[in-house]
């Protein structure tokens, strides 16, 4: 965001500078500068995507050394493996253990269809647990924490008028899952719309699961060991890029809408 604003400021300076040219010369100069800046922004975004894909591949390659043992362990647990993962997710997220890391780990350990289902179940259960903890057991601590953070100062007031909409939009932003859940729990929201708004975080959590799933399979491209996977690498890579683009775009749009409603999220 800051770099984009820098480009805009540069463009303004160039526009002023081009004013010293008259007629077509000034217009041509201004047009060339706009085109060059747009290309620079496009290349920067492309570089971010390529770096992200490279990081995913590197993580997958490093974890490839341990995945066989983990997969054997998961398989040995049978039907208890999903239950174990969901229980760990629900038990750890209220203590601010990264839900992102748990979703990514699920992508490494489970098939894509079953894994997505486990992520959905774990997310809703964890959200419900945090709601009851924040409302009935940790209310005073949560209120004290929120009082120290001005970005949540208008939350309780605004949420009265836009209960479901505001919660859903905030779930689409990069705010931490547990922190946001606790913030909602001490407002006047009801459990049913609270859980309905939790669906917003599923876009992010399922994308993280897919990143882990992709890292596991794409690691075969840079691993000396032959891969037994029948998954199409081009489709995995395309899905990875599309998922990343969707997460960034949705978070950006949601952030703008929330800002228009008077809530600061930065």
C-alpha atoms as a PDB file:
ATOM      1  CA  UNK A   1       0.000   0.000   0.000  1.00  0.00           C
ATOM      2  CA  UNK A   2       2.775   2.428   0.923  1.00  0.00           C
ATOM      3  CA  UNK A   3       4.640   1.669  -2.303  1.00  0.00           C
ATOM      4  CA  UNK A   4       1.502   2.285  -4.369  1.00  0.00           C
ATOM      5  CA  UNK A   5       1.065   5.652  -2.631  1.00  0.00           C
ATOM      6  CA  UNK A   6       4.716   6.423  -3.382  1.00  0.00           C
ATOM      7  CA  UNK A   7       4.107   5.744  -7.071  1.00  0.00           C
ATOM      8  CA  UNK A   8       1.083   8.053  -6.996  1.00  0.00           C
ATOM      9  CA  UNK A   9       3.151  10.832  -5.411  1.00  0.00           C
ATOM     10  CA  UNK A  10       5.871  10.347  -8.012  1.00  0.00           C
ATOM     11  CA  UNK A  11       3.246  10.571 -10.724  1.00  0.00           C
ATOM     12  CA  UNK A  12       1.977  13.858  -9.301  1.00  0.00           C
ATOM     13  CA  UNK A  13       5.499  15.300  -9.279  1.00  0.00           C
ATOM     14  CA  UNK A  14       6.046  14.179 -12.857  1.00  0.00           C
ATOM     15  CA  UNK A  15       2.746  15.737 -13.877  1.00  0.00           C
ATOM     16  CA  UNK A  16       3.835  19.055 -12.383  1.00  0.00           C
ATOM     17  CA  UNK A  17       7.228  18.724 -14.041  1.00  0.00           C
ATOM     18  CA  UNK A  18       5.645  17.962 -17.392  1.00  0.00           C
ATOM     19  CA  UNK A  19       3.803  21.265 -17.144  1.00  0.00           C
ATOM     20  CA  UNK A  20       6.954  22.980 -18.280  1.00  0.00           C
ATOM     21  CA  UNK A  21       6.372  21.329 -21.661  1.00  0.00           C
ATOM     22  CA  UNK A  22       3.695  22.857 -23.833  1.00  0.00           C
ATOM     23  CA  UNK A  23       1.050  21.228 -26.011  1.00  0.00           C
ATOM     24  CA  UNK A  24       1.627  17.740 -27.399  1.00  0.00           C
ATOM     25  CA  UNK A  25       5.125  17.443 -25.954  1.00  0.00           C
ATOM     26  CA  UNK A  26       3.807  17.777 -22.417  1.00  0.00           C
ATOM     27  CA  UNK A  27       0.984  15.311 -23.023  1.00  0.00           C
ATOM     28  CA  UNK A  28       3.340  12.755 -24.571  1.00  0.00           C
ATOM     29  CA  UNK A  29       5.762  13.051 -21.677  1.00  0.00           C
ATOM     30  CA  UNK A  30       2.961  12.608 -19.149  1.00  0.00           C
ATOM     31  CA  UNK A  31       1.569   9.589 -21.013  1.00  0.00           C
ATOM     32  CA  UNK A  32       4.954   7.849 -21.128  1.00  0.00           C
ATOM     33  CA  UNK A  33       5.470   8.355 -17.402  1.00  0.00           C
ATOM     34  CA  UNK A  34       2.018   6.945 -16.602  1.00  0.00           C
ATOM     35  CA  UNK A  35       2.671   3.877 -18.742  1.00  0.00           C
ATOM     36  CA  UNK A  36       6.078   3.298 -17.155  1.00  0.00           C
ATOM     37  CA  UNK A  37       4.671   3.579 -13.624  1.00  0.00           C
ATOM     38  CA  UNK A  38       1.846   1.156 -14.427  1.00  0.00           C
ATOM     39  CA  UNK A  39       4.392  -1.334 -15.764  1.00  0.00           C
ATOM     40  CA  UNK A  40       6.482  -0.905 -12.614  1.00  0.00           C
ATOM     41  CA  UNK A  41       3.472  -1.608 -10.387  1.00  0.00           C
ATOM     42  CA  UNK A  42       2.545  -4.663 -12.476  1.00  0.00           C
ATOM     43  CA  UNK A  43       6.089  -6.061 -12.292  1.00  0.00           C
ATOM     44  CA  UNK A  44       6.180  -5.477  -8.542  1.00  0.00           C
ATOM     45  CA  UNK A  45       2.960  -7.440  -8.042  1.00  0.00           C
ATOM     46  CA  UNK A  46       4.231 -10.214 -10.315  1.00  0.00           C
ATOM     47  CA  UNK A  47       7.463 -10.380  -8.319  1.00  0.00           C
ATOM     48  CA  UNK A  48       5.476 -10.735  -5.081  1.00  0.00           C
ATOM     49  CA  UNK A  49       3.520 -13.654  -6.543  1.00  0.00           C
ATOM     50  CA  UNK A  50       6.686 -15.377  -7.788  1.00  0.00           C
ATOM     51  CA  UNK A  51       8.412 -14.917  -4.428  1.00  0.00           C
ATOM     52  CA  UNK A  52       5.381 -16.342  -2.644  1.00  0.00           C
ATOM     53  CA  UNK A  53       5.311 -19.396  -4.923  1.00  0.00           C
ATOM     54  CA  UNK A  54       9.039 -19.863  -4.347  1.00  0.00           C
ATOM     55  CA  UNK A  55       8.578 -19.727  -0.573  1.00  0.00           C
ATOM     56  CA  UNK A  56       5.792 -22.311  -0.761  1.00  0.00           C
ATOM     57  CA  UNK A  57       8.020 -24.603  -2.828  1.00  0.00           C
ATOM     58  CA  UNK A  58      10.911 -24.171  -0.408  1.00  0.00           C
ATOM     59  CA  UNK A  59       8.742 -24.958   2.613  1.00  0.00           C
ATOM     60  CA  UNK A  60       7.333 -27.987   0.875  1.00  0.00           C
ATOM     61  CA  UNK A  61      10.812 -29.208  -0.027  1.00  0.00           C
ATOM     62  CA  UNK A  62      12.074 -28.857   3.534  1.00  0.00           C
ATOM     63  CA  UNK A  63       9.018 -30.578   4.982  1.00  0.00           C
ATOM     64  CA  UNK A  64       9.297 -33.393   2.454  1.00  0.00           C
ATOM     65  CA  UNK A  65      11.923 -34.960   4.724  1.00  0.00           C
ATOM     66  CA  UNK A  66       9.412 -35.355   7.539  1.00  0.00           C
ATOM     67  CA  UNK A  67       6.146 -35.815   5.670  1.00  0.00           C
ATOM     68  CA  UNK A  68       6.439 -39.589   5.111  1.00  0.00           C
ATOM     69  CA  UNK A  69       6.672 -40.225   8.862  1.00  0.00           C
ATOM     70  CA  UNK A  70       3.839 -37.788   9.557  1.00  0.00           C
ATOM     71  CA  UNK A  71       1.636 -39.400   6.921  1.00  0.00           C
ATOM     72  CA  UNK A  72       2.285 -42.851   8.352  1.00  0.00           C
ATOM     73  CA  UNK A  73       1.394 -41.547  11.804  1.00  0.00           C
ATOM     74  CA  UNK A  74      -1.820 -39.936  10.513  1.00  0.00           C
ATOM     75  CA  UNK A  75      -2.811 -43.107   8.688  1.00  0.00           C
ATOM     76  CA  UNK A  76      -2.129 -45.209  11.774  1.00  0.00           C
ATOM     77  CA  UNK A  77      -4.606 -43.096  13.728  1.00  0.00           C
ATOM     78  CA  UNK A  78      -7.382 -43.929  11.266  1.00  0.00           C
ATOM     79  CA  UNK A  79     -10.669 -42.195  12.050  1.00  0.00           C
ATOM     80  CA  UNK A  80      -9.108 -40.518  15.093  1.00  0.00           C
ATOM     81  CA  UNK A  81      -6.776 -38.387  12.934  1.00  0.00           C
ATOM     82  CA  UNK A  82      -9.457 -35.829  11.926  1.00  0.00           C
ATOM     83  CA  UNK A  83     -10.788 -35.757  15.482  1.00  0.00           C
ATOM     84  CA  UNK A  84      -7.285 -35.157  16.811  1.00  0.00           C
ATOM     85  CA  UNK A  85      -6.643 -32.289  14.402  1.00  0.00           C
ATOM     86  CA  UNK A  86      -9.987 -30.634  15.113  1.00  0.00           C
ATOM     87  CA  UNK A  87      -9.445 -30.987  18.869  1.00  0.00           C
ATOM     88  CA  UNK A  88      -5.968 -29.453  18.650  1.00  0.00           C
ATOM     89  CA  UNK A  89      -7.303 -26.585  16.528  1.00  0.00           C
ATOM     90  CA  UNK A  90     -10.144 -25.846  18.953  1.00  0.00           C
ATOM     91  CA  UNK A  91      -7.904 -26.155  22.008  1.00  0.00           C
ATOM     92  CA  UNK A  92      -5.039 -23.966  20.773  1.00  0.00           C
ATOM     93  CA  UNK A  93      -6.644 -21.093  18.859  1.00  0.00           C
ATOM     94  CA  UNK A  94      -8.262 -19.495  21.970  1.00  0.00           C
ATOM     95  CA  UNK A  95      -4.708 -19.078  23.311  1.00  0.00           C
ATOM     96  CA  UNK A  96      -3.644 -17.184  20.166  1.00  0.00           C
ATOM     97  CA  UNK A  97      -1.767 -20.116  18.652  1.00  0.00           C
ATOM     98  CA  UNK A  98      -1.676 -19.316  14.935  1.00  0.00           C
ATOM     99  CA  UNK A  99      -4.732 -20.659  13.136  1.00  0.00           C
ATOM    100  CA  UNK A 100      -2.825 -19.915   9.925  1.00  0.00           C
ATOM    101  CA  UNK A 101      -0.127 -22.442  10.801  1.00  0.00           C
ATOM    102  CA  UNK A 102      -2.709 -25.073  11.732  1.00  0.00           C
ATOM    103  CA  UNK A 103      -4.559 -24.617   8.435  1.00  0.00           C
ATOM    104  CA  UNK A 104      -1.298 -24.846   6.506  1.00  0.00           C
ATOM    105  CA  UNK A 105      -0.352 -27.990   8.425  1.00  0.00           C
ATOM    106  CA  UNK A 106      -3.713 -29.558   7.575  1.00  0.00           C
ATOM    107  CA  UNK A 107      -2.901 -29.072   3.910  1.00  0.00           C
ATOM    108  CA  UNK A 108       0.262 -31.084   4.393  1.00  0.00           C
ATOM    109  CA  UNK A 109      -1.463 -33.949   6.176  1.00  0.00           C
ATOM    110  CA  UNK A 110      -4.933 -34.457   4.682  1.00  0.00           C
ATOM    111  CA  UNK A 111      -6.493 -34.961   1.225  1.00  0.00           C
ATOM    112  CA  UNK A 112      -7.994 -31.802  -0.184  1.00  0.00           C
ATOM    113  CA  UNK A 113     -11.673 -32.735   0.078  1.00  0.00           C
ATOM    114  CA  UNK A 114     -11.551 -34.145   3.599  1.00  0.00           C
ATOM    115  CA  UNK A 115      -9.106 -31.486   4.743  1.00  0.00           C
ATOM    116  CA  UNK A 116     -11.396 -28.632   3.713  1.00  0.00           C
ATOM    117  CA  UNK A 117     -14.230 -30.245   5.681  1.00  0.00           C
ATOM    118  CA  UNK A 118     -12.017 -30.565   8.776  1.00  0.00           C
ATOM    119  CA  UNK A 119     -10.984 -26.902   8.470  1.00  0.00           C
ATOM    120  CA  UNK A 120     -14.622 -25.773   8.270  1.00  0.00           C
ATOM    121  CA  UNK A 121     -15.663 -27.817  11.303  1.00  0.00           C
ATOM    122  CA  UNK A 122     -12.623 -26.744  13.354  1.00  0.00           C
ATOM    123  CA  UNK A 123     -13.109 -23.069  12.471  1.00  0.00           C
ATOM    124  CA  UNK A 124     -16.735 -22.962  13.565  1.00  0.00           C
ATOM    125  CA  UNK A 125     -16.095 -24.918  16.764  1.00  0.00           C
ATOM    126  CA  UNK A 126     -13.111 -22.742  17.700  1.00  0.00           C
ATOM    127  CA  UNK A 127     -15.133 -19.620  16.963  1.00  0.00           C
ATOM    128  CA  UNK A 128     -17.936 -20.809  19.249  1.00  0.00           C
ATOM    129  CA  UNK A 129     -15.507 -21.701  22.061  1.00  0.00           C
ATOM    130  CA  UNK A 130     -13.860 -18.268  21.903  1.00  0.00           C
ATOM    131  CA  UNK A 131     -17.280 -16.600  21.914  1.00  0.00           C
ATOM    132  CA  UNK A 132     -18.287 -18.256  25.184  1.00  0.00           C
ATOM    133  CA  UNK A 133     -14.846 -17.758  26.762  1.00  0.00           C
ATOM    134  CA  UNK A 134     -14.841 -14.067  25.916  1.00  0.00           C
ATOM    135  CA  UNK A 135     -18.417 -13.434  26.956  1.00  0.00           C
ATOM    136  CA  UNK A 136     -18.545 -15.351  30.221  1.00  0.00           C
ATOM    137  CA  UNK A 137     -15.037 -16.165  31.511  1.00  0.00           C
ATOM    138  CA  UNK A 138     -12.583 -13.616  30.106  1.00  0.00           C
ATOM    139  CA  UNK A 139     -14.851 -10.618  29.569  1.00  0.00           C
ATOM    140  CA  UNK A 140     -13.000  -8.196  31.853  1.00  0.00           C
ATOM    141  CA  UNK A 141      -9.616  -9.026  30.325  1.00  0.00           C
ATOM    142  CA  UNK A 142     -10.940  -8.671  26.789  1.00  0.00           C
ATOM    143  CA  UNK A 143     -12.549  -5.310  27.567  1.00  0.00           C
ATOM    144  CA  UNK A 144      -9.304  -4.077  29.115  1.00  0.00           C
ATOM    145  CA  UNK A 145      -7.363  -5.155  26.035  1.00  0.00           C
ATOM    146  CA  UNK A 146      -9.809  -3.461  23.659  1.00  0.00           C
ATOM    147  CA  UNK A 147      -9.712  -0.257  25.685  1.00  0.00           C
ATOM    148  CA  UNK A 148      -5.984  -0.029  25.008  1.00  0.00           C
ATOM    149  CA  UNK A 149      -6.440  -0.332  21.227  1.00  0.00           C
ATOM    150  CA  UNK A 150      -8.111   2.629  19.553  1.00  0.00           C
ATOM    151  CA  UNK A 151      -8.830   0.718  16.338  1.00  0.00           C
ATOM    152  CA  UNK A 152     -11.613  -1.103  18.198  1.00  0.00           C
ATOM    153  CA  UNK A 153     -13.019   2.005  19.885  1.00  0.00           C
ATOM    154  CA  UNK A 154     -16.015   2.257  17.538  1.00  0.00           C
ATOM    155  CA  UNK A 155     -16.636  -1.462  17.177  1.00  0.00           C
ATOM    156  CA  UNK A 156     -19.355  -1.833  19.808  1.00  0.00           C
ATOM    157  CA  UNK A 157     -21.155   1.277  18.562  1.00  0.00           C
ATOM    158  CA  UNK A 158     -21.020   0.429  14.860  1.00  0.00           C
ATOM    159  CA  UNK A 159     -21.882  -3.224  15.321  1.00  0.00           C
ATOM    160  CA  UNK A 160     -25.313  -2.268  16.671  1.00  0.00           C
ATOM    161  CA  UNK A 161     -26.341  -0.954  13.267  1.00  0.00           C
ATOM    162  CA  UNK A 162     -24.441  -3.357  11.009  1.00  0.00           C
ATOM    163  CA  UNK A 163     -24.183  -6.536  13.058  1.00  0.00           C
ATOM    164  CA  UNK A 164     -23.811  -9.262  10.437  1.00  0.00           C
ATOM    165  CA  UNK A 165     -22.356  -7.098   7.674  1.00  0.00           C
ATOM    166  CA  UNK A 166     -19.589  -5.585   9.786  1.00  0.00           C
ATOM    167  CA  UNK A 167     -18.574  -8.882  11.374  1.00  0.00           C
ATOM    168  CA  UNK A 168     -18.463 -10.602   7.988  1.00  0.00           C
ATOM    169  CA  UNK A 169     -16.350  -7.835   6.424  1.00  0.00           C
ATOM    170  CA  UNK A 170     -13.930  -7.825   9.354  1.00  0.00           C
ATOM    171  CA  UNK A 171     -13.559 -11.597   8.976  1.00  0.00           C
ATOM    172  CA  UNK A 172     -12.361 -10.969   5.424  1.00  0.00           C
ATOM    173  CA  UNK A 173      -9.539  -8.701   6.612  1.00  0.00           C
ATOM    174  CA  UNK A 174      -6.117  -9.901   7.866  1.00  0.00           C
ATOM    175  CA  UNK A 175      -7.020  -9.351  11.537  1.00  0.00           C
ATOM    176  CA  UNK A 176      -6.083 -12.370  13.712  1.00  0.00           C
ATOM    177  CA  UNK A 177      -8.856 -14.932  14.102  1.00  0.00           C
ATOM    178  CA  UNK A 178      -8.757 -15.240  17.897  1.00  0.00           C
ATOM    179  CA  UNK A 179      -8.365 -11.531  18.612  1.00  0.00           C
ATOM    180  CA  UNK A 180     -11.319 -10.636  16.396  1.00  0.00           C
ATOM    181  CA  UNK A 181     -13.449 -13.403  17.883  1.00  0.00           C
ATOM    182  CA  UNK A 182     -12.779 -12.137  21.405  1.00  0.00           C
ATOM    183  CA  UNK A 183     -13.582  -8.580  20.293  1.00  0.00           C
ATOM    184  CA  UNK A 184     -16.958  -9.705  18.953  1.00  0.00           C
ATOM    185  CA  UNK A 185     -17.721 -11.765  22.047  1.00  0.00           C
ATOM    186  CA  UNK A 186     -17.889  -8.751  24.369  1.00  0.00           C
ATOM    187  CA  UNK A 187     -20.242  -6.770  22.134  1.00  0.00           C
ATOM    188  CA  UNK A 188     -24.007  -7.171  22.005  1.00  0.00           C
ATOM    189  CA  UNK A 189     -23.964  -9.575  19.064  1.00  0.00           C
ATOM    190  CA  UNK A 190     -25.906 -12.815  19.237  1.00  0.00           C
ATOM    191  CA  UNK A 191     -24.369 -16.224  18.714  1.00  0.00           C
ATOM    192  CA  UNK A 192     -26.238 -17.052  15.511  1.00  0.00           C
ATOM    193  CA  UNK A 193     -25.143 -14.011  13.421  1.00  0.00           C
ATOM    194  CA  UNK A 194     -21.691 -14.293  14.992  1.00  0.00           C
ATOM    195  CA  UNK A 195     -21.317 -17.842  13.669  1.00  0.00           C
ATOM    196  CA  UNK A 196     -22.823 -16.848  10.320  1.00  0.00           C
ATOM    197  CA  UNK A 197     -20.201 -14.098   9.954  1.00  0.00           C
ATOM    198  CA  UNK A 198     -17.464 -16.611  10.761  1.00  0.00           C
ATOM    199  CA  UNK A 199     -17.946 -17.920   7.217  1.00  0.00           C
ATOM    200  CA  UNK A 200     -15.893 -14.922   6.077  1.00  0.00           C
ATOM    201  CA  UNK A 201     -12.700 -16.372   7.560  1.00  0.00           C
ATOM    202  CA  UNK A 202     -13.214 -19.622   5.665  1.00  0.00           C
ATOM    203  CA  UNK A 203     -11.958 -17.995   2.471  1.00  0.00           C
ATOM    204  CA  UNK A 204      -8.659 -17.289   4.208  1.00  0.00           C
ATOM    205  CA  UNK A 205      -8.406 -20.574   6.134  1.00  0.00           C
ATOM    206  CA  UNK A 206      -9.216 -22.767   3.140  1.00  0.00           C
ATOM    207  CA  UNK A 207      -6.697 -20.822   1.049  1.00  0.00           C
ATOM    208  CA  UNK A 208      -4.035 -21.503   3.690  1.00  0.00           C
ATOM    209  CA  UNK A 209      -4.986 -25.170   3.634  1.00  0.00           C
ATOM    210  CA  UNK A 210      -4.567 -25.142  -0.141  1.00  0.00           C
ATOM    211  CA  UNK A 211      -1.170 -23.462   0.185  1.00  0.00           C
ATOM    212  CA  UNK A 212      -0.048 -26.317   2.430  1.00  0.00           C
ATOM    213  CA  UNK A 213      -1.549 -28.913   0.104  1.00  0.00           C
ATOM    214  CA  UNK A 214       0.214 -27.301  -2.858  1.00  0.00           C
ATOM    215  CA  UNK A 215       3.528 -27.046  -1.020  1.00  0.00           C
ATOM    216  CA  UNK A 216       3.394 -30.758  -0.314  1.00  0.00           C
ATOM    217  CA  UNK A 217       2.821 -31.760  -3.930  1.00  0.00           C
ATOM    218  CA  UNK A 218       4.868 -29.116  -5.739  1.00  0.00           C
ATOM    219  CA  UNK A 219       7.875 -30.025  -3.617  1.00  0.00           C
ATOM    220  CA  UNK A 220       8.230 -33.014  -5.944  1.00  0.00           C
ATOM    221  CA  UNK A 221       9.380 -30.635  -8.658  1.00  0.00           C
ATOM    222  CA  UNK A 222      12.555 -29.785  -6.787  1.00  0.00           C
ATOM    223  CA  UNK A 223      12.997 -33.059  -4.918  1.00  0.00           C
ATOM    224  CA  UNK A 224      15.216 -35.832  -6.184  1.00  0.00           C
ATOM    225  CA  UNK A 225      12.754 -38.465  -4.976  1.00  0.00           C
ATOM    226  CA  UNK A 226      10.175 -39.474  -7.592  1.00  0.00           C
ATOM    227  CA  UNK A 227       6.662 -38.288  -6.802  1.00  0.00           C
ATOM    228  CA  UNK A 228       3.801 -40.778  -6.613  1.00  0.00           C
ATOM    229  CA  UNK A 229       1.173 -38.061  -6.836  1.00  0.00           C
ATOM    230  CA  UNK A 230      -1.287 -38.021  -9.741  1.00  0.00           C
ATOM    231  CA  UNK A 231      -2.092 -34.354  -9.142  1.00  0.00           C
ATOM    232  CA  UNK A 232      -1.492 -32.006 -12.080  1.00  0.00           C
ATOM    233  CA  UNK A 233       1.349 -29.638 -11.228  1.00  0.00           C
ATOM    234  CA  UNK A 234       0.186 -26.875 -13.622  1.00  0.00           C
ATOM    235  CA  UNK A 235      -3.295 -26.966 -12.088  1.00  0.00           C
ATOM    236  CA  UNK A 236      -1.822 -26.818  -8.591  1.00  0.00           C
ATOM    237  CA  UNK A 237       0.334 -23.826  -9.511  1.00  0.00           C
ATOM    238  CA  UNK A 238      -2.570 -22.060 -11.204  1.00  0.00           C
ATOM    239  CA  UNK A 239      -4.793 -22.713  -8.192  1.00  0.00           C
ATOM    240  CA  UNK A 240      -2.087 -21.349  -5.893  1.00  0.00           C
ATOM    241  CA  UNK A 241      -1.814 -18.087  -7.820  1.00  0.00           C
ATOM    242  CA  UNK A 242      -5.590 -17.713  -8.112  1.00  0.00           C
ATOM    243  CA  UNK A 243      -6.075 -18.392  -4.387  1.00  0.00           C
ATOM    244  CA  UNK A 244      -3.467 -15.801  -3.463  1.00  0.00           C
ATOM    245  CA  UNK A 245      -5.037 -13.233  -5.796  1.00  0.00           C
ATOM    246  CA  UNK A 246      -8.517 -13.867  -4.389  1.00  0.00           C
ATOM    247  CA  UNK A 247      -7.346 -13.535  -0.769  1.00  0.00           C
ATOM    248  CA  UNK A 248      -5.551 -10.245  -1.485  1.00  0.00           C
ATOM    249  CA  UNK A 249      -8.425  -8.807  -3.525  1.00  0.00           C
ATOM    250  CA  UNK A 250     -11.133  -9.774  -1.034  1.00  0.00           C
ATOM    251  CA  UNK A 251      -9.132  -8.407   1.908  1.00  0.00           C
ATOM    252  CA  UNK A 252      -8.529  -5.147   0.039  1.00  0.00           C
ATOM    253  CA  UNK A 253     -12.198  -4.633  -0.844  1.00  0.00           C
ATOM    254  CA  UNK A 254     -13.348  -5.591   2.662  1.00  0.00           C
ATOM    255  CA  UNK A 255     -10.818  -3.211   4.210  1.00  0.00           C
ATOM    256  CA  UNK A 256     -12.142  -0.317   2.116  1.00  0.00           C
ATOM    257  CA  UNK A 257     -15.751  -1.052   3.060  1.00  0.00           C
ATOM    258  CA  UNK A 258     -14.883  -1.319   6.746  1.00  0.00           C
ATOM    259  CA  UNK A 259     -12.966   1.946   6.574  1.00  0.00           C
ATOM    260  CA  UNK A 260     -16.010   3.634   5.049  1.00  0.00           C
ATOM    261  CA  UNK A 261     -17.991   2.468   8.069  1.00  0.00           C
ATOM    262  CA  UNK A 262     -15.562   4.275  10.381  1.00  0.00           C
ATOM    263  CA  UNK A 263     -13.650   1.279  11.782  1.00  0.00           C
ATOM    264  CA  UNK A 264      -9.855   1.397  11.806  1.00  0.00           C
ATOM    265  CA  UNK A 265      -8.162  -1.955  11.165  1.00  0.00           C
ATOM    266  CA  UNK A 266      -4.518  -0.870  10.964  1.00  0.00           C
END
